[in-house]
All heavy atoms as atom14 arrays in JSON, in Angstrom:
{
  "sequence": "RGFEAARTQRELAELTASGAIPPPPPAVVPNLLNGDGTIPTGHSI",
  "atom14_mask": [
    [1, 1, 1, 1, 1, 1, 1, 1, 1, 1, 1, 0, 0, 0],
    [1, 1, 1, 1, 0, 0, 0, 0, 0, 0, 0, 0, 0, 0],
    [1, 1, 1, 1, 1, 1, 1, 1, 1, 1, 1, 0, 0, 0],
    [1, 1, 1, 1, 1, 1, 1, 1, 1, 0, 0, 0, 0, 0],
    [1, 1, 1, 1, 1, 0, 0, 0, 0, 0, 0, 0, 0, 0],
    [1, 1, 1, 1, 1, 0, 0, 0, 0, 0, 0, 0, 0, 0],
    [1, 1, 1, 1, 1, 1, 1, 1, 1, 1, 1, 0, 0, 0],
    [1, 1, 1, 1, 1, 1, 1, 0, 0, 0, 0, 0, 0, 0],
    [1, 1, 1, 1, 1, 1, 1, 1, 1, 0, 0, 0, 0, 0],
    [1, 1, 1, 1, 1, 1, 1, 1, 1, 1, 1, 0, 0, 0],
    [1, 1, 1, 1, 1, 1, 1, 1, 1, 0, 0, 0, 0, 0],
    [1, 1, 1, 1, 1, 1, 1, 1, 0, 0, 0, 0, 0, 0],
    [1, 1, 1, 1, 1, 0, 0, 0, 0, 0, 0, 0, 0, 0],
    [1, 1, 1, 1, 1, 1, 1, 1, 1, 0, 0, 0, 0, 0],
    [1, 1, 1, 1, 1, 1, 1, 1, 0, 0, 0, 0, 0, 0],
    [1, 1, 1, 1, 1, 1, 1, 0, 0, 0, 0, 0, 0, 0],
    [1, 1, 1, 1, 1, 0, 0, 0, 0, 0, 0, 0, 0, 0],
    [1, 1, 1, 1, 1, 1, 0, 0, 0, 0, 0, 0, 0, 0],
    [1, 1, 1, 1, 0, 0, 0, 0, 0, 0, 0, 0, 0, 0],
    [1, 1, 1, 1, 1, 0, 0, 0, 0, 0, 0, 0, 0, 0],
    [1, 1, 1, 1, 1, 1, 1, 1, 0, 0, 0, 0, 0, 0],
    [1, 1, 1, 1, 1, 1, 1, 0, 0, 0, 0, 0, 0, 0],
    [1, 1, 1, 1, 1, 1, 1, 0, 0, 0, 0, 0, 0, 0],
    [1, 1, 1, 1, 1, 1, 1, 0, 0, 0, 0, 0, 0, 0],
    [1, 1, 1, 1, 1, 1, 1, 0, 0, 0, 0, 0, 0, 0],
    [1, 1, 1, 1, 1, 1, 1, 0, 0, 0, 0, 0, 0, 0],
    [1, 1, 1, 1, 1, 0, 0, 0, 0, 0, 0, 0, 0, 0],
    [1, 1, 1, 1, 1, 1, 1, 0, 0, 0, 0, 0, 0, 0],
    [1, 1, 1, 1, 1, 1, 1, 0, 0, 0, 0, 0, 0, 0],
    [1, 1, 1, 1, 1, 1, 1, 0, 0, 0, 0, 0, 0, 0],
    [1, 1, 1, 1, 1, 1, 1, 1, 0, 0, 0, 0, 0, 0],
    [1, 1, 1, 1, 1, 1, 1, 1, 0, 0, 0, 0, 0, 0],
    [1, 1, 1, 1, 1, 1, 1, 1, 0, 0, 0, 0, 0, 0],
    [1, 1, 1, 1, 1, 1, 1, 1, 0, 0, 0, 0, 0, 0],
    [1, 1, 1, 1, 0, 0, 0, 0, 0, 0, 0, 0, 0, 0],
    [1, 1, 1, 1, 1, 1, 1, 1, 0, 0, 0, 0, 0, 0],
    [1, 1, 1, 1, 0, 0, 0, 0, 0, 0, 0, 0, 0, 0],
    [1, 1, 1, 1, 1, 1, 1, 0, 0, 0, 0, 0, 0, 0],
    [1, 1, 1, 1, 1, 1, 1, 1, 0, 0, 0, 0, 0, 0],
    [1, 1, 1, 1, 1, 1, 1, 0, 0, 0, 0, 0, 0, 0],
    [1, 1, 1, 1, 1, 1, 1, 0, 0, 0, 0, 0, 0, 0],
    [1, 1, 1, 1, 0, 0, 0, 0, 0, 0, 0, 0, 0, 0],
    [1, 1, 1, 1, 1, 1, 1, 1, 1, 1, 0, 0, 0, 0],
    [1, 1, 1, 1, 1, 1, 0, 0, 0, 0, 0, 0, 0, 0],
    [1, 1, 1, 1, 1, 1, 1, 1, 0, 0, 0, 0, 0, 0]
  ],
  "atom14_positions": [
    [[-9.32, 23.33, -10.27], [-8.34, 22.43, -9.88], [-8.96, 21.09, -9.47], [-8.36, 20.03, -9.48], [-7.38, 22.95, -8.88], [-6.48, 24.01, -9.47], [-5.35, 24.43, -8.5], [-4.49, 25.38, -9.21], [-3.43, 26.0, -8.6], [-3.12, 25.64, -7.37], [-2.66, 26.86, -9.28], [0.0, 0.0, 0.0], [0.0, 0.0, 0.0], [0.0, 0.0, 0.0]],
    [[-10.23, 21.15, -8.94], [-10.94, 19.97, -8.55], [-11.18, 19.12, -9.79], [-11.09, 17.88, -9.83], [0.0, 0.0, 0.0], [0.0, 0.0, 0.0], [0.0, 0.0, 0.0], [0.0, 0.0, 0.0], [0.0, 0.0, 0.0], [0.0, 0.0, 0.0], [0.0, 0.0, 0.0], [0.0, 0.0, 0.0], [0.0, 0.0, 0.0], [0.0, 0.0, 0.0]],
    [[-11.58, 19.76, -10.93], [-11.76, 18.99, -12.24], [-10.46, 18.46, -12.64], [-10.33, 17.34, -13.15], [-12.3, 19.98, -13.26], [-13.78, 20.25, -13.07], [-14.25, 21.57, -12.94], [-14.72, 19.24, -13.01], [-15.57, 21.89, -12.82], [-16.09, 19.5, -12.9], [-16.49, 20.82, -12.78], [0.0, 0.0, 0.0], [0.0, 0.0, 0.0], [0.0, 0.0, 0.0]],
    [[-9.36, 19.25, -12.55], [-7.96, 18.77, -12.86], [-7.63, 17.52, -12.0], [-7.06, 16.57, -12.53], [-6.98, 19.84, -12.72], [-7.15, 21.02, -13.68], [-6.12, 22.11, -13.35], [-5.36, 22.01, -12.35], [-5.99, 23.11, -14.14], [0.0, 0.0, 0.0], [0.0, 0.0, 0.0], [0.0, 0.0, 0.0], [0.0, 0.0, 0.0], [0.0, 0.0, 0.0]],
    [[-7.99, 17.6, -10.74], [-7.61, 16.5, -9.88], [-8.39, 15.22, -10.24], [-7.91, 14.14, -10.23], [-7.93, 16.81, -8.45], [0.0, 0.0, 0.0], [0.0, 0.0, 0.0], [0.0, 0.0, 0.0], [0.0, 0.0, 0.0], [0.0, 0.0, 0.0], [0.0, 0.0, 0.0], [0.0, 0.0, 0.0], [0.0, 0.0, 0.0], [0.0, 0.0, 0.0]],
    [[-9.68, 15.41, -10.63], [-10.47, 14.21, -11.08], [-9.82, 13.62, -12.3], [-9.79, 12.36, -12.53], [-11.9, 14.63, -11.32], [0.0, 0.0, 0.0], [0.0, 0.0, 0.0], [0.0, 0.0, 0.0], [0.0, 0.0, 0.0], [0.0, 0.0, 0.0], [0.0, 0.0, 0.0], [0.0, 0.0, 0.0], [0.0, 0.0, 0.0], [0.0, 0.0, 0.0]],
    [[-9.44, 14.51, -13.27], [-8.86, 13.99, -14.47], [-7.51, 13.29, -14.24], [-7.25, 12.23, -14.77], [-8.53, 15.11, -15.46], [-8.03, 14.67, -16.82], [-7.83, 15.74, -17.84], [-6.87, 16.75, -17.35], [-7.13, 17.92, -16.98], [-8.36, 18.37, -16.83], [-6.14, 18.76, -16.57], [0.0, 0.0, 0.0], [0.0, 0.0, 0.0], [0.0, 0.0, 0.0]],
    [[-6.73, 13.84, -13.31], [-5.4, 13.14, -13.06], [-5.62, 11.88, -12.3], [-4.83, 10.95, -12.42], [-4.49, 14.09, -12.25], [-5.17, 14.49, -11.1], [-4.14, 15.32, -13.06], [0.0, 0.0, 0.0], [0.0, 0.0, 0.0], [0.0, 0.0, 0.0], [0.0, 0.0, 0.0], [0.0, 0.0, 0.0], [0.0, 0.0, 0.0], [0.0, 0.0, 0.0]],
    [[-6.62, 11.81, -11.43], [-7.01, 10.52, -10.83], [-7.35, 9.48, -11.81], [-6.88, 8.25, -11.67], [-8.1, 10.69, -9.86], [-7.78, 11.51, -8.59], [-6.71, 10.84, -7.72], [-6.73, 9.6, -7.56], [-5.8, 11.61, -7.21], [0.0, 0.0, 0.0], [0.0, 0.0, 0.0], [0.0, 0.0, 0.0], [0.0, 0.0, 0.0], [0.0, 0.0, 0.0]],
    [[-8.05, 9.79, -12.82], [-8.28, 8.83, -13.89], [-7.01, 8.45, -14.59], [-6.82, 7.23, -14.91], [-9.29, 9.43, -14.9], [-10.65, 9.55, -14.37], [-11.72, 9.83, -15.45], [-11.39, 11.13, -16.18], [-11.98, 12.31, -15.84], [-12.69, 12.32, -14.76], [-11.62, 13.36, -16.53], [0.0, 0.0, 0.0], [0.0, 0.0, 0.0], [0.0, 0.0, 0.0]],
    [[-6.16, 9.36, -14.83], [-4.87, 9.06, -15.46], [-3.98, 8.21, -14.55], [-3.38, 7.24, -15.04], [-4.15, 10.36, -15.82], [-4.78, 11.24, -16.83], [-4.03, 12.53, -17.08], [-2.8, 12.57, -16.78], [-4.58, 13.42, -17.69], [0.0, 0.0, 0.0], [0.0, 0.0, 0.0], [0.0, 0.0, 0.0], [0.0, 0.0, 0.0], [0.0, 0.0, 0.0]],
    [[-3.98, 8.51, -13.33], [-3.31, 7.58, -12.37], [-3.82, 6.18, -12.35], [-3.02, 5.23, -12.31], [-3.45, 8.19, -10.94], [-2.4, 9.24, -10.54], [-2.78, 9.81, -9.15], [-0.95, 8.65, -10.44], [0.0, 0.0, 0.0], [0.0, 0.0, 0.0], [0.0, 0.0, 0.0], [0.0, 0.0, 0.0], [0.0, 0.0, 0.0], [0.0, 0.0, 0.0]],
    [[-5.1, 6.04, -12.44], [-5.65, 4.7, -12.46], [-5.34, 3.94, -13.73], [-5.06, 2.73, -13.64], [-7.26, 4.76, -12.33], [0.0, 0.0, 0.0], [0.0, 0.0, 0.0], [0.0, 0.0, 0.0], [0.0, 0.0, 0.0], [0.0, 0.0, 0.0], [0.0, 0.0, 0.0], [0.0, 0.0, 0.0], [0.0, 0.0, 0.0], [0.0, 0.0, 0.0]],
    [[-5.3, 4.7, -14.81], [-4.97, 4.0, -16.05], [-3.45, 3.57, -16.03], [-3.1, 2.57, -16.47], [-5.23, 5.0, -17.24], [-6.65, 5.3, -17.48], [-6.89, 6.44, -18.5], [-5.88, 7.06, -18.94], [-8.04, 6.76, -18.79], [0.0, 0.0, 0.0], [0.0, 0.0, 0.0], [0.0, 0.0, 0.0], [0.0, 0.0, 0.0], [0.0, 0.0, 0.0]],
    [[-2.56, 4.55, -15.52], [-1.18, 4.17, -15.46], [-0.85, 3.02, -14.51], [-0.05, 2.17, -14.77], [-0.33, 5.42, -15.03], [-0.22, 6.59, -16.08], [0.34, 7.72, -15.43], [0.62, 6.1, -17.26], [0.0, 0.0, 0.0], [0.0, 0.0, 0.0], [0.0, 0.0, 0.0], [0.0, 0.0, 0.0], [0.0, 0.0, 0.0], [0.0, 0.0, 0.0]],
    [[-1.66, 2.97, -13.43], [-1.52, 1.91, -12.47], [-1.97, 0.61, -13.03], [-1.29, -0.45, -12.89], [-2.39, 2.2, -11.16], [-1.96, 3.45, -10.7], [-2.17, 1.09, -10.16], [0.0, 0.0, 0.0], [0.0, 0.0, 0.0], [0.0, 0.0, 0.0], [0.0, 0.0, 0.0], [0.0, 0.0, 0.0], [0.0, 0.0, 0.0], [0.0, 0.0, 0.0]],
    [[-3.07, 0.65, -13.8], [-3.57, -0.63, -14.47], [-2.64, -1.12, -15.46], [-2.51, -2.44, -15.63], [-4.93, -0.32, -15.07], [0.0, 0.0, 0.0], [0.0, 0.0, 0.0], [0.0, 0.0, 0.0], [0.0, 0.0, 0.0], [0.0, 0.0, 0.0], [0.0, 0.0, 0.0], [0.0, 0.0, 0.0], [0.0, 0.0, 0.0], [0.0, 0.0, 0.0]],
    [[-1.93, -0.24, -16.07], [-1.02, -0.61, -17.19], [0.38, -1.1, -16.59], [1.21, -1.63, -17.32], [-0.76, 0.46, -18.12], [-0.02, 1.5, -17.52], [0.0, 0.0, 0.0], [0.0, 0.0, 0.0], [0.0, 0.0, 0.0], [0.0, 0.0, 0.0], [0.0, 0.0, 0.0], [0.0, 0.0, 0.0], [0.0, 0.0, 0.0], [0.0, 0.0, 0.0]],
    [[0.54, -0.87, -15.25], [1.86, -1.19, -14.69], [2.89, -0.12, -14.79], [4.02, -0.36, -14.43], [0.0, 0.0, 0.0], [0.0, 0.0, 0.0], [0.0, 0.0, 0.0], [0.0, 0.0, 0.0], [0.0, 0.0, 0.0], [0.0, 0.0, 0.0], [0.0, 0.0, 0.0], [0.0, 0.0, 0.0], [0.0, 0.0, 0.0], [0.0, 0.0, 0.0]],
    [[2.58, 1.03, -15.3], [3.56, 2.12, -15.54], [3.99, 2.68, -14.2], [5.13, 3.2, -14.02], [2.96, 3.17, -16.47], [0.0, 0.0, 0.0], [0.0, 0.0, 0.0], [0.0, 0.0, 0.0], [0.0, 0.0, 0.0], [0.0, 0.0, 0.0], [0.0, 0.0, 0.0], [0.0, 0.0, 0.0], [0.0, 0.0, 0.0], [0.0, 0.0, 0.0]],
    [[3.07, 2.72, -13.19], [3.46, 3.17, -11.82], [2.97, 2.12, -10.82], [1.97, 1.4, -11.15], [2.88, 4.51, -11.56], [1.37, 4.57, -11.58], [3.52, 5.57, -12.51], [0.8, 5.89, -11.11], [0.0, 0.0, 0.0], [0.0, 0.0, 0.0], [0.0, 0.0, 0.0], [0.0, 0.0, 0.0], [0.0, 0.0, 0.0], [0.0, 0.0, 0.0]],
    [[3.61, 2.11, -9.66], [3.18, 1.11, -8.64], [1.77, 1.42, -8.16], [1.29, 2.5, -8.16], [4.18, 1.31, -7.52], [5.3, 2.01, -8.18], [4.81, 2.88, -9.25], [0.0, 0.0, 0.0], [0.0, 0.0, 0.0], [0.0, 0.0, 0.0], [0.0, 0.0, 0.0], [0.0, 0.0, 0.0], [0.0, 0.0, 0.0], [0.0, 0.0, 0.0]],
    [[1.08, 0.39, -7.65], [-0.26, 0.57, -7.21], [-0.29, 1.22, -5.88], [0.73, 1.31, -5.16], [-0.81, -0.89, -7.02], [0.46, -1.71, -6.81], [1.46, -1.02, -7.7], [0.0, 0.0, 0.0], [0.0, 0.0, 0.0], [0.0, 0.0, 0.0], [0.0, 0.0, 0.0], [0.0, 0.0, 0.0], [0.0, 0.0, 0.0], [0.0, 0.0, 0.0]],
    [[-1.44, 1.82, -5.37], [-1.4, 2.47, -4.0], [-1.34, 1.38, -3.05], [-1.7, 0.22, -3.25], [-2.81, 3.13, -4.07], [-3.68, 2.4, -5.07], [-2.67, 1.93, -6.16], [0.0, 0.0, 0.0], [0.0, 0.0, 0.0], [0.0, 0.0, 0.0], [0.0, 0.0, 0.0], [0.0, 0.0, 0.0], [0.0, 0.0, 0.0], [0.0, 0.0, 0.0]],
    [[-0.9, 1.77, -1.85], [-0.77, 0.74, -0.74], [-2.18, 0.36, -0.19], [-3.12, 1.23, -0.31], [-0.04, 1.51, 0.31], [-0.36, 2.9, 0.12], [-0.47, 3.06, -1.38], [0.0, 0.0, 0.0], [0.0, 0.0, 0.0], [0.0, 0.0, 0.0], [0.0, 0.0, 0.0], [0.0, 0.0, 0.0], [0.0, 0.0, 0.0], [0.0, 0.0, 0.0]],
    [[-2.33, -0.88, 0.13], [-3.63, -1.22, 0.67], [-3.95, -0.73, 2.06], [-3.08, -0.56, 2.81], [-3.58, -2.82, 0.79], [-2.1, -3.08, 0.96], [-1.33, -2.03, 0.25], [0.0, 0.0, 0.0], [0.0, 0.0, 0.0], [0.0, 0.0, 0.0], [0.0, 0.0, 0.0], [0.0, 0.0, 0.0], [0.0, 0.0, 0.0], [0.0, 0.0, 0.0]],
    [[-5.2, -0.37, 2.26], [-5.59, -0.03, 3.71], [-5.65, -1.4, 4.43], [-6.1, -2.42, 3.86], [-6.91, 0.68, 3.71], [0.0, 0.0, 0.0], [0.0, 0.0, 0.0], [0.0, 0.0, 0.0], [0.0, 0.0, 0.0], [0.0, 0.0, 0.0], [0.0, 0.0, 0.0], [0.0, 0.0, 0.0], [0.0, 0.0, 0.0], [0.0, 0.0, 0.0]],
    [[-5.39, -1.33, 5.76], [-5.28, -2.55, 6.51], [-6.15, -2.44, 7.77], [-6.53, -1.42, 8.21], [-3.81, -2.84, 6.93], [-2.97, -3.24, 5.73], [-3.22, -1.61, 7.67], [0.0, 0.0, 0.0], [0.0, 0.0, 0.0], [0.0, 0.0, 0.0], [0.0, 0.0, 0.0], [0.0, 0.0, 0.0], [0.0, 0.0, 0.0], [0.0, 0.0, 0.0]],
    [[-6.5, -3.59, 8.31], [-7.28, -3.65, 9.52], [-6.42, -3.17, 10.73], [-5.27, -3.51, 10.81], [-7.81, -5.08, 9.88], [-8.44, -5.27, 11.07], [-8.58, -5.55, 8.65], [0.0, 0.0, 0.0], [0.0, 0.0, 0.0], [0.0, 0.0, 0.0], [0.0, 0.0, 0.0], [0.0, 0.0, 0.0], [0.0, 0.0, 0.0], [0.0, 0.0, 0.0]],
    [[-6.99, -2.35, 11.59], [-6.21, -1.86, 12.78], [-5.9, -3.03, 13.63], [-6.55, -4.06, 13.66], [-7.21, -0.89, 13.42], [-8.27, -0.55, 12.4], [-8.33, -1.74, 11.48], [0.0, 0.0, 0.0], [0.0, 0.0, 0.0], [0.0, 0.0, 0.0], [0.0, 0.0, 0.0], [0.0, 0.0, 0.0], [0.0, 0.0, 0.0], [0.0, 0.0, 0.0]],
    [[-4.81, -2.85, 14.45], [-4.51, -3.83, 15.53], [-4.48, -2.98, 16.84], [-4.74, -1.87, 16.85], [-3.22, -4.6, 15.24], [-1.93, -3.72, 15.17], [-1.86, -2.68, 15.82], [-1.02, -4.21, 14.4], [0.0, 0.0, 0.0], [0.0, 0.0, 0.0], [0.0, 0.0, 0.0], [0.0, 0.0, 0.0], [0.0, 0.0, 0.0], [0.0, 0.0, 0.0]],
    [[-3.99, -3.67, 17.89], [-4.08, -3.0, 19.25], [-3.24, -1.73, 19.3], [-3.48, -0.89, 20.11], [-3.65, -3.96, 20.28], [-2.18, -4.4, 20.43], [-1.26, -3.46, 21.16], [-2.06, -5.8, 21.08], [0.0, 0.0, 0.0], [0.0, 0.0, 0.0], [0.0, 0.0, 0.0], [0.0, 0.0, 0.0], [0.0, 0.0, 0.0], [0.0, 0.0, 0.0]],
    [[-2.23, -1.59, 18.38], [-1.4, -0.38, 18.44], [-2.17, 0.82, 17.99], [-1.82, 2.0, 18.28], [-0.15, -0.56, 17.48], [0.83, -1.67, 17.85], [1.87, -1.78, 16.83], [1.35, -1.49, 19.29], [0.0, 0.0, 0.0], [0.0, 0.0, 0.0], [0.0, 0.0, 0.0], [0.0, 0.0, 0.0], [0.0, 0.0, 0.0], [0.0, 0.0, 0.0]],
    [[-3.29, 0.61, 17.23], [-4.14, 1.75, 16.81], [-5.16, 2.21, 17.83], [-5.79, 3.27, 17.64], [-4.85, 1.35, 15.5], [-3.92, 1.08, 14.37], [-3.67, -0.06, 14.0], [-3.28, 2.09, 13.8], [0.0, 0.0, 0.0], [0.0, 0.0, 0.0], [0.0, 0.0, 0.0], [0.0, 0.0, 0.0], [0.0, 0.0, 0.0], [0.0, 0.0, 0.0]],
    [[-5.22, 1.51, 18.96], [-6.1, 1.96, 20.07], [-7.55, 1.87, 19.64], [-7.95, 1.1, 18.81], [0.0, 0.0, 0.0], [0.0, 0.0, 0.0], [0.0, 0.0, 0.0], [0.0, 0.0, 0.0], [0.0, 0.0, 0.0], [0.0, 0.0, 0.0], [0.0, 0.0, 0.0], [0.0, 0.0, 0.0], [0.0, 0.0, 0.0], [0.0, 0.0, 0.0]],
    [[-8.35, 2.68, 20.26], [-9.75, 2.7, 20.09], [-10.33, 4.03, 19.52], [-11.51, 4.26, 19.52], [-10.54, 2.37, 21.33], [-10.34, 3.36, 22.45], [-9.6, 4.41, 22.18], [-10.77, 3.18, 23.57], [0.0, 0.0, 0.0], [0.0, 0.0, 0.0], [0.0, 0.0, 0.0], [0.0, 0.0, 0.0], [0.0, 0.0, 0.0], [0.0, 0.0, 0.0]],
    [[-9.41, 4.86, 18.97], [-9.87, 6.13, 18.46], [-9.88, 7.4, 19.38], [-10.21, 8.45, 18.93], [0.0, 0.0, 0.0], [0.0, 0.0, 0.0], [0.0, 0.0, 0.0], [0.0, 0.0, 0.0], [0.0, 0.0, 0.0], [0.0, 0.0, 0.0], [0.0, 0.0, 0.0], [0.0, 0.0, 0.0], [0.0, 0.0, 0.0], [0.0, 0.0, 0.0]],
    [[-9.54, 7.13, 20.65], [-9.48, 8.19, 21.61], [-8.1, 8.96, 21.56], [-7.06, 8.23, 21.23], [-9.72, 7.74, 23.08], [-8.78, 6.76, 23.33], [-11.07, 7.14, 23.17], [0.0, 0.0, 0.0], [0.0, 0.0, 0.0], [0.0, 0.0, 0.0], [0.0, 0.0, 0.0], [0.0, 0.0, 0.0], [0.0, 0.0, 0.0], [0.0, 0.0, 0.0]],
    [[-8.15, 10.19, 21.85], [-6.82, 10.92, 21.81], [-6.07, 10.65, 23.04], [-6.65, 10.68, 24.22], [-7.08, 12.44, 21.73], [-7.77, 12.74, 20.36], [-5.82, 13.27, 21.9], [-8.1, 14.22, 20.17], [0.0, 0.0, 0.0], [0.0, 0.0, 0.0], [0.0, 0.0, 0.0], [0.0, 0.0, 0.0], [0.0, 0.0, 0.0], [0.0, 0.0, 0.0]],
    [[-4.77, 10.28, 22.97], [-4.03, 9.9, 24.24], [-3.92, 11.07, 25.23], [-3.91, 12.3, 24.85], [-2.55, 9.64, 23.66], [-2.83, 9.27, 22.21], [-3.95, 10.16, 21.81], [0.0, 0.0, 0.0], [0.0, 0.0, 0.0], [0.0, 0.0, 0.0], [0.0, 0.0, 0.0], [0.0, 0.0, 0.0], [0.0, 0.0, 0.0], [0.0, 0.0, 0.0]],
    [[-3.93, 10.71, 26.5], [-3.82, 11.66, 27.52], [-2.45, 11.45, 28.31], [-2.09, 12.36, 29.06], [-4.95, 11.54, 28.54], [-4.99, 10.22, 29.05], [-6.29, 11.91, 27.88], [0.0, 0.0, 0.0], [0.0, 0.0, 0.0], [0.0, 0.0, 0.0], [0.0, 0.0, 0.0], [0.0, 0.0, 0.0], [0.0, 0.0, 0.0], [0.0, 0.0, 0.0]],
    [[-1.84, 10.44, 28.1], [-0.54, 10.16, 28.69], [0.53, 9.9, 27.7], [0.29, 9.58, 26.51], [0.0, 0.0, 0.0], [0.0, 0.0, 0.0], [0.0, 0.0, 0.0], [0.0, 0.0, 0.0], [0.0, 0.0, 0.0], [0.0, 0.0, 0.0], [0.0, 0.0, 0.0], [0.0, 0.0, 0.0], [0.0, 0.0, 0.0], [0.0, 0.0, 0.0]],
    [[1.79, 9.95, 28.1], [2.93, 9.79, 27.24], [4.02, 8.96, 27.85], [4.5, 9.23, 29.0], [3.48, 11.2, 26.81], [2.49, 11.97, 26.13], [2.39, 12.14, 24.76], [1.54, 12.88, 26.63], [1.43, 13.02, 24.43], [0.87, 13.43, 25.47], [0.0, 0.0, 0.0], [0.0, 0.0, 0.0], [0.0, 0.0, 0.0], [0.0, 0.0, 0.0]],
    [[4.56, 7.97, 27.15], [5.73, 7.26, 27.63], [6.78, 7.27, 26.54], [6.45, 7.24, 25.39], [5.35, 5.79, 27.93], [4.43, 5.61, 28.96], [0.0, 0.0, 0.0], [0.0, 0.0, 0.0], [0.0, 0.0, 0.0], [0.0, 0.0, 0.0], [0.0, 0.0, 0.0], [0.0, 0.0, 0.0], [0.0, 0.0, 0.0], [0.0, 0.0, 0.0]],
    [[8.04, 7.44, 26.93], [9.07, 7.45, 25.92], [10.26, 6.61, 26.43], [10.45, 6.32, 27.59], [9.63, 8.91, 25.62], [10.19, 9.49, 26.89], [8.56, 9.75, 25.14], [11.06, 10.7, 26.67], [0.0, 0.0, 0.0], [0.0, 0.0, 0.0], [0.0, 0.0, 0.0], [0.0, 0.0, 0.0], [0.0, 0.0, 0.0], [0.0, 0.0, 0.0]]
  ]
}
């Protein structure tokens, strides 16, 4: 299934390039809401 996944990823890339399916969303730069990577110890609601 890993080989199958690699093949389907190539197919996805081809379909994306042709416009047949939407492109993947872009990764973005974190802002202050993303914190510094530490796990929260408090909770506010």
